Protein backbone atom coordinates (compact mmCIF):
# COMPACT_ATOMS: atom_id res chain seq x y z
CA MET A 1 33.32 63.77 -8.55
CA ARG A 2 36.27 61.97 -10.11
CA PRO A 3 36.43 61.40 -13.85
CA GLU A 4 36.53 57.80 -15.00
CA ARG A 5 39.94 56.21 -15.30
CA SER A 6 41.27 55.29 -18.68
CA ASP A 7 41.52 51.67 -19.79
CA ARG A 8 45.22 51.63 -18.92
CA ARG A 9 46.03 49.89 -15.67
CA MET A 10 47.01 52.60 -13.27
CA PRO A 11 47.28 52.78 -9.52
CA SER A 12 44.35 54.82 -8.28
CA SER A 13 46.34 56.92 -5.81
CA ILE A 14 47.71 59.98 -7.57
CA GLY A 15 50.28 61.69 -5.42
CA MET A 16 50.94 64.90 -7.31
CA LEU A 17 50.09 67.09 -10.26
CA LEU A 18 52.80 67.92 -12.77
CA ASP A 19 52.94 71.46 -14.10
CA ALA A 20 53.68 72.03 -17.77
CA ASN A 21 57.09 73.51 -16.97
CA VAL A 22 58.39 70.12 -15.83
CA PHE A 23 57.93 68.76 -19.36
CA LEU A 24 59.01 72.00 -21.04
CA GLU A 25 62.33 71.98 -19.19
CA VAL A 26 63.08 68.70 -20.98
CA GLU A 27 61.51 69.50 -24.35
CA LEU A 28 63.24 72.87 -24.65
CA ALA A 29 66.55 71.76 -23.06
CA GLU A 30 66.32 74.31 -20.26
CA ARG A 31 68.58 74.53 -17.19
CA HIS A 32 66.47 72.16 -15.03
CA GLY A 33 66.14 69.67 -17.87
CA GLU A 34 68.20 66.88 -16.32
CA ALA A 35 66.32 66.89 -13.00
CA CYS A 36 63.01 66.96 -14.86
CA ARG A 37 64.14 64.11 -17.12
CA ALA A 38 65.06 62.03 -14.06
CA LEU A 39 61.71 62.71 -12.38
CA LEU A 40 59.76 61.99 -15.56
CA GLY A 41 61.69 58.72 -15.91
CA LYS A 42 60.27 57.67 -12.53
CA VAL A 43 56.78 58.65 -13.69
CA ARG A 44 57.28 56.78 -16.97
CA ASP A 45 58.33 53.65 -15.05
CA GLY A 46 55.39 53.94 -12.64
CA ILE A 47 57.57 54.56 -9.58
CA ILE A 48 55.88 57.92 -9.10
CA VAL A 49 52.16 58.23 -9.81
CA SER A 50 51.06 61.66 -10.96
CA ALA A 51 48.68 63.55 -13.20
CA ILE A 52 48.74 66.40 -15.67
CA THR A 53 45.70 68.17 -17.05
CA ASP A 54 44.67 67.92 -20.66
CA PHE A 55 44.81 71.73 -20.69
CA HIS A 56 48.50 71.65 -19.71
CA VAL A 57 49.30 69.00 -22.32
CA ASP A 58 47.88 71.38 -24.92
CA SER A 59 49.83 74.27 -23.37
CA ILE A 60 53.06 72.29 -23.70
CA ALA A 61 52.38 71.65 -27.38
CA LEU A 62 51.63 75.34 -27.98
CA VAL A 63 54.81 76.49 -26.23
CA MET A 64 56.88 73.92 -28.12
CA GLU A 65 55.41 75.19 -31.38
CA SER A 66 56.12 78.80 -30.43
CA HIS A 67 59.76 77.76 -29.86
CA GLY A 68 60.05 76.43 -33.40
CA LYS A 69 59.21 72.78 -32.84
CA GLY A 70 57.39 71.23 -35.77
CA TRP A 71 54.76 68.58 -36.17
CA LYS A 72 57.28 65.74 -35.78
CA GLU A 73 58.43 66.96 -32.35
CA LEU A 74 54.86 67.56 -31.25
CA ALA A 75 53.79 64.10 -32.41
CA LEU A 76 56.75 62.52 -30.62
CA PHE A 77 55.99 64.38 -27.39
CA LEU A 78 52.29 63.49 -27.41
CA ALA A 79 52.92 59.84 -28.31
CA SER A 80 55.55 59.60 -25.56
CA LEU A 81 52.86 60.35 -22.96
CA LEU A 82 51.27 56.99 -23.77
CA ARG A 83 54.36 55.22 -22.38
CA TYR A 84 54.10 56.82 -18.94
CA LYS A 85 52.87 54.07 -16.59
CA GLY A 86 52.52 56.52 -13.70
CA LEU A 87 50.81 59.38 -15.52
CA ARG A 88 47.12 60.11 -15.75
CA ILE A 89 45.81 62.82 -18.06
CA HIS A 90 43.15 64.63 -16.04
CA PRO A 91 40.39 66.16 -18.17
CA VAL A 92 39.37 69.67 -17.18
CA GLY A 93 35.90 70.25 -18.51
CA LEU A 94 34.07 73.52 -18.94
CA GLY A 95 32.79 73.34 -15.36
CA GLY A 96 36.35 73.01 -14.06
CA ARG A 97 37.46 75.93 -16.17
CA ILE A 98 34.60 78.04 -14.81
CA ARG A 99 35.46 77.04 -11.22
CA ALA A 100 39.10 77.96 -11.92
CA ILE A 101 38.00 81.58 -12.32
CA SER A 102 37.30 81.70 -8.57
CA MET A 103 40.87 80.47 -8.00
CA MET A 104 42.06 83.43 -10.05
CA ARG A 105 39.99 85.78 -7.88
CA ASP A 106 40.79 84.16 -4.53
CA TYR A 107 44.53 83.63 -5.00
CA GLY A 108 45.57 86.17 -7.65
CA LEU A 109 46.55 83.43 -10.12
CA ASP A 110 46.59 83.56 -13.88
CA PHE A 111 44.23 81.24 -15.73
CA ASP A 112 46.88 78.60 -16.41
CA ASP A 113 47.81 78.29 -12.72
CA ALA A 114 44.17 78.48 -11.63
CA ILE A 115 43.38 75.48 -13.84
CA ALA A 116 46.14 73.54 -12.06
CA VAL A 117 44.82 74.49 -8.61
CA GLN A 118 41.30 73.50 -9.66
CA ALA A 119 42.66 70.15 -10.85
CA LEU A 120 44.36 69.63 -7.47
CA ARG A 121 41.00 70.18 -5.81
CA GLU A 122 39.22 67.81 -8.22
CA LEU A 123 41.85 65.12 -7.64
CA SER A 124 41.77 65.63 -3.85
CA ILE A 125 45.52 66.16 -3.69
CA ASP A 126 47.60 69.11 -2.50
CA THR A 127 51.00 68.70 -4.18
CA ILE A 128 52.12 70.23 -7.46
CA VAL A 129 55.54 69.77 -9.03
CA SER A 130 56.47 73.11 -10.52
CA TYR A 131 59.10 75.82 -10.72
CA ASP A 132 56.34 78.46 -10.66
CA ASP A 133 56.30 80.15 -7.26
CA ASP A 134 52.87 81.66 -7.92
CA PHE A 135 51.47 78.47 -6.40
CA ASP A 136 53.00 79.51 -3.08
CA SER A 137 50.17 82.03 -2.67
CA VAL A 138 47.69 79.15 -2.22
CA ASP A 139 47.92 78.21 1.44
CA TRP A 140 46.77 74.60 1.01
CA VAL A 141 49.02 73.78 -1.97
CA LYS A 142 52.43 72.22 -1.45
CA ARG A 143 54.79 73.06 -4.29
CA ARG A 144 57.73 70.76 -4.89
CA THR A 145 60.49 70.92 -7.49
CA PRO A 146 61.79 67.87 -9.31
CA GLU A 147 65.11 68.26 -7.49
CA SER A 148 63.35 67.98 -4.11
CA LEU A 149 61.76 64.68 -5.18
CA LEU A 150 64.92 62.97 -6.40
């Protein structure tokens, strides 16, 4: 069952799920930051249609805070998500979190990655954009990096 779409006009065909590390590379000025910025620019402009879970949005904010970012940076990041024409925030409810536990068991994933795999299943897609090679243990998931999409 798909969650209802937001009021924003958005193409219904989501092609990929974005992992938190794609945003964190930009927010924390990491070594893949430029490639991630270029990819996210395409998502912002609606050229690429993707999703991220609400869980991973929260994770990004928590990691930013743990790296010394204050309320202003967090507010700017969260508000910036509203400008992404090609981004859908996928809600992961309690049921999805519970089902993610079986992903942990079946694929040896941590909870964070299991939530992402569960979201892929809920969205009926198989592609995640991530630098995390733990997703490679899931035989039906195709992991791409931002560089491979540019």
